[in-house]
Protein backbone atom coordinates (compact mmCIF):
# COMPACT_ATOMS: atom_id res chain seq x y z
CA MET A 1 42.45 -30.60 -38.43
CA LEU A 2 44.43 -28.30 -40.52
CA GLN A 3 44.31 -27.91 -44.92
CA PHE A 4 47.46 -26.58 -45.88
CA ALA A 5 46.42 -25.42 -50.42
CA ARG A 6 49.16 -24.37 -52.71
CA SER A 7 48.18 -21.24 -51.66
CA THR A 8 49.04 -21.33 -48.96
CA VAL A 9 51.25 -19.48 -47.28
CA PHE A 10 54.08 -19.32 -44.21
CA LYS A 11 55.06 -16.77 -42.41
CA PRO A 12 57.82 -15.85 -39.56
CA VAL A 13 56.63 -14.90 -36.65
CA GLU A 14 58.94 -11.88 -35.30
CA GLU A 15 58.43 -10.50 -32.74
CA ASP A 16 58.20 -12.38 -29.02
CA ILE A 17 54.90 -15.06 -28.38
CA PRO A 18 53.57 -15.83 -25.01
CA GLU A 19 54.21 -19.63 -24.43
CA ILE A 20 51.19 -21.19 -25.40
CA PRO A 21 49.91 -23.30 -21.72
CA ARG A 22 49.63 -26.94 -21.03
CA TYR A 23 46.55 -27.00 -19.04
CA LYS A 24 43.27 -25.37 -20.14
CA PHE A 25 40.48 -25.53 -17.52
CA ASN A 26 37.61 -23.99 -16.35
CA PHE A 27 37.31 -24.68 -12.80
CA VAL A 28 33.62 -24.77 -10.87
CA GLU A 29 33.52 -23.65 -7.35
CA TYR A 30 31.44 -26.62 -5.39
CA ASP A 31 29.29 -24.30 -4.86
CA GLN A 32 27.89 -23.47 -7.78
CA LEU A 33 27.67 -27.47 -8.68
CA THR A 34 23.56 -27.19 -7.63
CA SER A 35 22.56 -25.11 -10.57
CA ARG A 36 24.25 -27.64 -13.12
CA VAL A 37 23.00 -30.71 -11.90
CA ASP A 38 21.33 -33.23 -14.30
CA ILE A 39 22.07 -30.78 -16.99
CA ASN A 40 23.89 -33.03 -19.52
CA ASP A 41 25.34 -30.16 -22.04
CA LEU A 42 27.08 -28.45 -19.20
CA LEU A 43 30.37 -30.21 -17.94
CA SER A 44 32.82 -28.78 -15.39
CA ASP A 45 36.06 -29.03 -14.09
CA VAL A 46 36.61 -29.77 -10.68
CA ILE A 47 39.71 -29.75 -8.31
CA GLY A 48 40.61 -30.32 -4.73
CA ARG A 49 43.29 -31.93 -2.38
CA LEU A 50 42.14 -35.33 -2.37
CA ILE A 51 41.58 -36.58 1.49
CA SER A 52 40.05 -40.16 0.47
CA VAL A 53 40.13 -43.20 -1.92
CA LYS A 54 37.91 -46.16 -2.10
CA GLY A 55 38.69 -49.38 -3.72
CA VAL A 56 37.14 -50.39 -7.02
CA GLU A 57 33.55 -51.85 -6.32
CA GLU A 58 30.66 -52.99 -8.67
CA SER A 59 26.97 -51.66 -9.24
CA ASN A 60 23.79 -51.87 -10.11
CA VAL A 61 23.06 -50.04 -12.77
CA GLY A 62 19.82 -50.56 -15.45
CA ASN A 63 20.56 -54.33 -15.10
CA ARG A 64 24.55 -54.65 -15.78
CA LEU A 65 27.40 -55.09 -12.68
CA VAL A 66 29.54 -51.49 -13.93
CA LYS A 67 32.70 -50.37 -12.10
CA ARG A 68 32.97 -47.43 -10.02
CA ARG A 69 35.28 -45.84 -7.78
CA ASN A 70 34.48 -42.35 -5.12
CA LEU A 71 36.37 -40.16 -4.14
CA THR A 72 36.34 -37.25 -1.93
CA LEU A 73 38.25 -33.09 -2.56
CA GLN A 74 38.74 -30.93 -0.81
CA ASN A 75 39.31 -26.66 -1.45
CA ILE A 76 40.39 -24.13 0.02
CA ARG A 77 37.85 -23.50 1.66
CA ASP A 78 37.61 -26.39 3.46
CA GLU A 79 34.26 -27.44 1.60
CA SER A 80 34.39 -30.83 0.33
CA LEU A 81 33.39 -33.05 -3.38
CA ASN A 82 32.00 -36.62 -3.89
CA ILE A 83 33.38 -37.55 -7.09
CA THR A 84 32.03 -40.62 -8.79
CA LEU A 85 34.54 -42.85 -11.61
CA TRP A 86 32.45 -44.96 -13.08
CA GLY A 87 33.46 -47.12 -15.31
CA GLU A 88 36.89 -47.96 -17.81
CA ILE A 89 38.12 -44.34 -15.42
CA SER A 90 37.94 -45.80 -12.26
CA GLN A 91 40.05 -49.05 -12.95
CA ASN A 92 42.62 -46.35 -14.34
CA PHE A 93 43.35 -44.80 -11.71
CA ASP A 94 46.04 -45.36 -9.61
CA GLU A 95 45.93 -45.57 -5.29
CA ASN A 96 48.88 -47.20 -5.34
CA ALA A 97 50.81 -44.65 -7.54
CA VAL A 98 49.09 -42.07 -4.77
CA GLN A 99 50.30 -43.51 -1.98
CA ARG A 100 54.26 -42.40 -3.43
CA MET A 101 52.80 -39.32 -3.81
CA SER A 102 53.94 -36.79 -0.69
CA GLU A 103 50.69 -34.80 0.17
CA PRO A 104 48.79 -32.96 0.22
CA VAL A 105 47.87 -34.21 -3.59
CA VAL A 106 46.38 -32.14 -5.71
CA ILE A 107 43.85 -33.00 -8.77
CA ALA A 108 42.07 -31.77 -11.55
CA PHE A 109 38.81 -33.40 -13.16
CA THR A 110 37.46 -32.22 -16.35
CA ALA A 111 33.93 -32.50 -17.93
CA MET A 112 31.98 -33.94 -14.73
CA ALA A 113 28.61 -34.05 -14.76
CA ALA A 114 27.22 -32.41 -11.48
CA LYS A 115 24.42 -35.10 -9.85
CA GLN A 116 22.53 -35.62 -6.95
CA TYR A 117 21.68 -38.83 -4.78
CA LEU A 118 18.94 -39.06 -1.81
CA GLY A 119 20.05 -35.14 -1.54
CA GLY A 120 23.82 -35.66 -1.67
CA LEU A 121 25.65 -33.30 -4.11
CA TYR A 122 28.55 -35.22 -5.86
CA VAL A 123 30.46 -35.08 -9.72
CA ALA A 124 30.64 -38.08 -11.66
CA SER A 125 32.98 -38.86 -14.51
CA THR A 126 31.93 -39.32 -18.34
CA SER A 127 33.53 -40.14 -20.67
CA GLY A 128 35.47 -37.39 -21.54
CA THR A 129 36.85 -36.99 -18.10
CA SER A 130 40.69 -37.12 -17.71
CA PHE A 131 42.20 -36.18 -14.02
CA TYR A 132 45.82 -34.46 -14.18
CA PHE A 133 47.89 -34.87 -10.51
CA GLU A 134 49.73 -31.99 -9.55
CA PRO A 135 48.69 -29.57 -12.73
CA ASP A 136 51.21 -27.22 -12.57
CA ILE A 137 48.84 -24.40 -12.65
CA ALA A 138 48.38 -21.31 -9.59
CA LYS A 139 45.12 -22.59 -8.38
CA SER A 140 47.47 -26.05 -7.75
CA LYS A 141 49.87 -24.38 -5.84
CA LYS A 142 47.40 -22.50 -3.94
CA ILE A 143 45.50 -25.41 -3.28
CA LYS A 144 49.13 -27.46 -2.04
CA LYS A 145 50.13 -24.15 0.02
CA ARG A 146 47.40 -23.63 1.57
CA PHE A 147 47.49 -27.65 3.68
CA SER A 148 50.77 -28.14 3.45
CA HIS A 149 51.18 -28.34 7.12
CA SER A 150 47.88 -30.49 7.62
CA ILE A 151 48.00 -33.63 9.15
CA GLN A 152 45.14 -35.10 8.08
CA GLY A 153 46.30 -37.94 5.05
CA ILE A 154 44.95 -39.51 2.51
CA ASP A 155 41.99 -41.80 3.44
CA PHE A 156 41.92 -45.02 2.00
CA ILE A 157 39.69 -46.64 2.39
CA ALA A 158 38.50 -50.60 1.22
CA PRO A 159 36.12 -51.37 -0.89
CA SER A 160 32.73 -53.21 0.41
CA THR A 161 32.80 -56.86 0.71
CA GLN A 162 28.31 -56.26 0.42
CA LYS A 163 27.36 -58.22 -3.35
CA PRO A 164 25.71 -55.58 -5.46
CA ILE A 165 21.90 -55.60 -4.53
CA THR A 166 19.98 -56.22 -8.05
CA LEU A 167 17.43 -54.23 -9.36
CA GLU A 168 14.76 -57.32 -8.26
CA GLU A 169 15.48 -57.16 -4.88
CA GLN A 170 15.74 -53.49 -4.38
CA LYS A 171 11.80 -54.29 -6.49
CA THR A 172 10.64 -56.15 -4.01
CA MET A 173 13.07 -55.43 -0.25
CA ASN A 174 10.60 -56.27 2.75
CA ARG A 175 7.58 -56.14 0.31
CA LEU A 176 4.02 -54.78 2.13
CA MET A 177 0.76 -54.22 1.31
CA VAL A 178 -0.06 -50.76 1.81
CA ALA A 179 -2.19 -51.94 4.75
CA GLU A 180 0.42 -54.12 6.60
CA LEU A 181 2.61 -50.36 6.14
CA ARG A 182 -0.21 -48.67 7.73
CA ALA A 183 0.56 -50.65 10.71
CA LEU A 184 4.19 -50.07 11.95
CA ASP A 185 5.14 -48.14 14.35
CA PRO A 186 7.61 -45.75 12.17
CA TYR A 187 10.22 -45.20 15.19
CA GLN A 188 10.72 -48.46 15.75
CA ASN A 189 11.12 -49.13 12.11
CA GLN A 190 13.29 -45.97 10.32
CA ASP A 191 15.87 -47.68 10.15
CA GLN A 192 14.23 -49.98 7.19
CA LYS A 193 12.56 -49.50 3.85
CA PHE A 194 9.57 -51.46 2.00
CA THR A 195 8.28 -51.95 -0.85
CA THR A 196 5.57 -51.04 -1.75
CA LYS A 197 2.87 -51.06 -4.66
CA ALA A 198 0.38 -49.02 -5.97
CA THR A 199 -1.04 -45.97 -7.41
CA ILE A 200 -1.05 -42.00 -7.42
CA THR A 201 -4.69 -41.76 -6.51
CA GLU A 202 -3.30 -37.66 -5.21
CA ILE A 203 -1.63 -34.89 -4.89
CA ASP A 204 -2.03 -31.85 -2.32
CA ALA A 205 0.03 -28.61 -3.22
CA ARG A 206 -1.91 -26.61 -0.20
CA GLN A 207 1.54 -27.01 2.10
CA GLY A 208 3.25 -26.12 -1.16
CA TRP A 209 4.98 -28.34 -3.75
CA PHE A 210 8.38 -27.17 -3.91
CA TYR A 211 10.61 -24.88 -1.79
CA ASN A 212 13.09 -22.04 -1.93
CA ALA A 213 16.58 -24.25 -0.21
CA CYS A 214 19.72 -24.40 0.40
CA PRO A 215 22.57 -25.51 -2.62
CA ARG A 216 24.51 -27.57 -0.31
CA CYS A 217 22.47 -29.58 1.55
CA TYR A 218 18.90 -28.55 0.59
CA ARG A 219 16.96 -27.86 3.57
CA ARG A 220 14.48 -25.28 3.33
CA VAL A 221 15.41 -21.82 3.82
CA LYS A 222 14.73 -18.45 5.22
CA GLN A 223 14.38 -14.95 3.84
CA SER A 224 16.16 -12.37 5.97
CA GLY A 225 15.85 -8.82 4.51
CA THR A 226 16.75 -9.30 0.81
CA SER A 227 19.41 -13.11 2.61
CA TRP A 228 18.41 -15.95 2.37
CA TRP A 229 19.67 -17.71 5.94
CA CYS A 230 19.97 -21.81 5.93
CA ASP A 231 20.32 -23.26 9.46
CA THR A 232 22.93 -25.29 8.57
CA HIS A 233 25.48 -23.04 6.27
CA GLY A 234 24.37 -19.56 7.25
CA TYR A 235 23.14 -16.76 4.53
CA LEU A 236 23.59 -17.88 1.71
CA THR A 237 26.25 -16.73 -1.33
CA THR A 238 24.17 -17.48 -4.09
CA ILE A 239 20.34 -17.47 -4.85
CA PRO A 240 18.36 -20.35 -3.41
CA ILE A 241 17.59 -23.89 -6.02
CA SER A 242 13.80 -24.82 -5.84
CA TRP A 243 13.44 -28.62 -4.71
CA TYR A 244 9.97 -30.07 -4.73
CA LYS A 245 8.32 -31.88 -2.36
CA ILE A 246 4.78 -33.27 -2.51
CA ASN A 247 2.76 -34.20 0.04
CA ALA A 248 0.13 -37.28 -2.06
CA ARG A 249 -1.72 -40.62 -1.13
CA ILE A 250 -1.08 -43.79 -2.03
CA GLU A 251 -3.53 -47.14 -2.39
CA ASP A 252 -3.52 -50.31 -2.95
CA SER A 253 -6.40 -52.88 -2.73
CA THR A 254 -5.63 -53.22 1.33
CA GLY A 255 -5.91 -49.41 1.13
CA GLY A 256 -4.34 -46.39 1.68
CA MET A 257 -2.13 -43.90 3.35
CA ASN A 258 0.05 -40.49 2.81
CA ILE A 259 4.01 -40.51 1.20
CA VAL A 260 5.94 -37.72 1.06
CA MET A 261 8.05 -36.89 -1.89
CA ILE A 262 11.16 -35.05 -2.39
CA GLY A 263 13.50 -33.86 -4.58
CA ARG A 264 15.15 -36.37 -7.62
CA THR A 265 12.44 -38.52 -6.18
CA ILE A 266 9.86 -36.40 -8.76
CA GLN A 267 11.68 -35.75 -11.01
CA SER A 268 12.92 -39.53 -11.43
CA LEU A 269 8.95 -39.47 -12.00
CA VAL A 270 8.30 -36.19 -14.44
CA ASN A 271 11.98 -36.18 -15.88
CA LYS A 272 12.25 -32.49 -15.22
CA PRO A 273 14.26 -30.34 -12.30
CA CYS A 274 11.88 -28.47 -10.08
CA SER A 275 13.70 -25.10 -11.57
CA ILE A 276 13.05 -25.82 -15.07
CA LEU A 277 9.88 -25.58 -13.97
CA THR A 278 9.65 -22.70 -11.48
CA ILE A 279 12.69 -20.99 -13.68
CA GLN A 280 11.84 -20.95 -17.38
CA ASP A 281 8.07 -22.38 -17.41
CA GLY A 282 6.79 -20.00 -14.99
CA TYR A 283 5.43 -22.17 -12.44
CA THR A 284 6.47 -20.31 -9.34
CA ASP A 285 3.28 -19.88 -7.40
CA PRO A 286 3.39 -23.07 -4.75
CA ASN A 287 -0.03 -23.65 -3.89
CA ILE A 288 -0.74 -24.63 -7.59
CA ILE A 289 -0.01 -28.08 -9.00
CA PRO A 290 1.98 -27.61 -12.51
CA PRO A 291 -0.06 -29.77 -15.17
CA LEU A 292 3.26 -31.79 -15.73
CA LEU A 293 3.33 -33.13 -11.74
CA ASP A 294 -0.70 -33.18 -12.51
CA GLN A 295 -0.20 -36.02 -14.07
CA LEU A 296 1.58 -38.39 -11.85
CA LYS A 297 -2.22 -39.12 -10.57
CA GLY A 298 -3.40 -42.67 -11.66
CA ILE A 299 0.22 -43.55 -12.15
CA SER A 300 1.18 -47.30 -10.24
CA LYS A 301 4.96 -47.91 -9.05
CA ILE A 302 6.81 -49.92 -6.52
CA PHE A 303 7.50 -47.61 -3.58
CA SER A 304 10.92 -47.14 -1.79
CA ILE A 305 9.93 -45.84 1.53
CA GLN A 306 11.95 -45.31 4.53
CA PHE A 307 9.96 -43.46 7.63
CA ARG A 308 12.16 -39.92 7.75
CA PRO A 309 12.15 -37.40 11.58
CA ARG A 310 10.66 -33.91 10.03
CA GLY A 311 10.32 -32.28 13.52
CA ALA A 312 8.05 -33.88 16.04
CA PHE A 313 6.45 -35.61 13.14
CA ILE A 314 8.31 -38.50 11.35
CA ASP A 315 6.92 -38.82 7.29
CA ALA A 316 6.38 -41.92 5.73
CA THR A 317 8.80 -40.06 2.39
CA VAL A 318 9.51 -42.29 -0.91
CA ILE A 319 13.15 -42.19 -1.94
CA LYS A 320 13.02 -44.01 -4.79
CA THR A 321 10.60 -45.89 -8.01
CA PHE A 322 9.99 -47.91 -10.49
CA ASP A 323 8.10 -49.63 -12.56
CA ASP A 324 6.59 -52.35 -12.57
CA ASP A 325 6.90 -55.22 -15.78
CA GLU A 326 3.77 -56.52 -14.98
CA THR A 327 1.93 -53.19 -15.56
CA GLN A 328 3.74 -51.09 -17.30
CA MET A 329 2.18 -52.06 -20.60
CA LEU A 330 -1.22 -50.92 -19.10
CA LEU A 331 -0.93 -47.82 -18.20
CA PRO A 332 -2.12 -44.30 -20.09
CA ALA A 333 -0.27 -42.26 -21.70
CA PRO A 334 0.10 -39.59 -19.70
CA PRO A 335 -1.45 -36.36 -21.10
CA THR A 336 -0.09 -33.52 -22.77
CA GLU A 337 1.02 -30.69 -20.93
CA SER A 338 0.44 -26.97 -21.99
CA PRO A 339 2.78 -24.82 -20.40
CA LYS A 340 -0.20 -22.36 -19.76
CA ASP A 341 -2.57 -25.11 -18.97
CA ILE A 342 -1.96 -23.88 -15.20
CA PRO A 343 -4.86 -25.73 -13.43
CA ALA A 344 -6.44 -24.32 -9.94
CA PRO A 345 -5.30 -25.76 -6.64
CA LEU A 346 -6.56 -28.98 -5.48
CA ALA A 347 -8.57 -28.95 -1.82
CA SER A 348 -7.90 -32.68 -1.89
CA LEU A 349 -6.39 -33.34 1.21
CA ASP A 350 -6.82 -32.84 4.36
CA PRO A 351 -4.73 -29.87 6.09
CA GLU A 352 -1.73 -30.96 8.34
CA THR A 353 -2.29 -30.71 11.79
CA PRO A 354 -0.27 -30.91 14.67
CA LEU A 355 -0.24 -34.05 16.00
CA PRO A 356 0.49 -34.81 19.37
CA GLU A 357 3.83 -35.64 20.49
CA THR A 358 3.32 -39.67 21.56
CA LYS A 359 4.08 -42.56 19.19
CA LYS A 360 0.35 -43.64 18.49
CA GLY A 361 -0.40 -39.87 17.75
CA ILE A 362 2.06 -39.59 15.04
CA LYS A 363 0.62 -43.58 13.55
CA LYS A 364 -2.87 -42.32 13.28
CA GLN A 365 -2.18 -39.37 11.34
CA LEU A 366 -0.08 -40.39 8.95
CA PHE A 367 -1.39 -43.72 8.01
CA LEU A 368 -5.46 -42.93 7.53
CA THR A 369 -7.08 -45.64 6.52
CA LYS A 370 -10.36 -43.77 4.85
CA PRO A 371 -10.36 -42.52 1.88
CA ILE A 372 -9.31 -38.91 1.22
CA THR A 373 -12.76 -37.81 -0.99
CA GLU A 374 -15.67 -39.60 -0.78
CA ASP A 375 -14.88 -40.52 -4.51
CA ILE A 376 -12.23 -42.17 -4.28
CA GLN A 377 -12.63 -46.10 -3.70
CA SER A 378 -9.33 -48.35 -2.99
CA SER A 379 -10.98 -51.40 -5.04
CA PRO A 380 -8.89 -51.99 -7.57
CA GLN A 381 -10.68 -51.74 -10.19
CA GLN A 382 -10.61 -48.06 -10.31
CA HIS A 383 -7.46 -48.06 -11.03
CA PRO A 384 -4.71 -49.59 -13.81
CA PRO A 385 -3.49 -52.67 -11.79
CA SER A 386 -1.88 -51.92 -8.66
CA THR A 387 2.47 -52.43 -9.59
């Protein structure tokens, strides 16, 4: 707001002044968005040609239904970026108007938040998000020219007619006890998700608690001289990112099993991105567990688990965790973390050994029936009530 007082003086500008631009954007390249994931005060402007539009759907966010629309943009390097518009802006986006436009259709989105879901990168709208069709700027014209002869049109996708799965349904989907889950053939059940209530009893870092990952696909990268190589995307043009991955053990009253937790699944439990732990907090040794991760031992959760291939093996991979309302109030408060209190490496889990390339061998190795250490008991009295 400008305020004019009695002493304010107005002077005419006689020299030529540049025209004030109608738009002002700070665009972020798609491959730079990974470094902004979950940094809530660092929003991003993005631009690209529209290649897909999906109708408005409803999603469960917490305990309420929220409108959502998914789009896909493409930049001049043929990289794609998924867009999610939430709430009112999802309905303000007029796909009928888009159908009447001549292609390619270029759109700029402002104040978007970089997010990840199941290892995939996307940007989501915020309360400050706006969108602009074909803004009169050089970057928009460059994209328009790049795809002026493209035969690929916009893919208009009908919204799903499937009713959203409620939070309670997600928490109880294919519910099994640990012993029942351990008895499954992982090869025959890769397409299914299971849930189990259990307590984290061991965390193993001897195979590392993080790895260097490709910012685009989050796969492990290899160092080649001063460069980094991704088997999917070739040599990286940016530095790799730190990505959580820990082997752990969960138990309930029926027994225990080994699990793998990766990426945002761990981040949702500790409320801190892996890159903050490695870069800002200084925990750069992948074989020494930071106190923040060590605090996960003894926590009871509902685990959503899926069997996922890893080379010649199959891991019981945790894809999501839920609080159990029945036991949440019984859990002890986590101890205060001191960044300098770096514990010695734990030697609690057996080292990973190669498995016979048979279903039976994989199944036996994945689901050990005996406790990993002698002092661990499978009795529920040794831990908070299973969630």
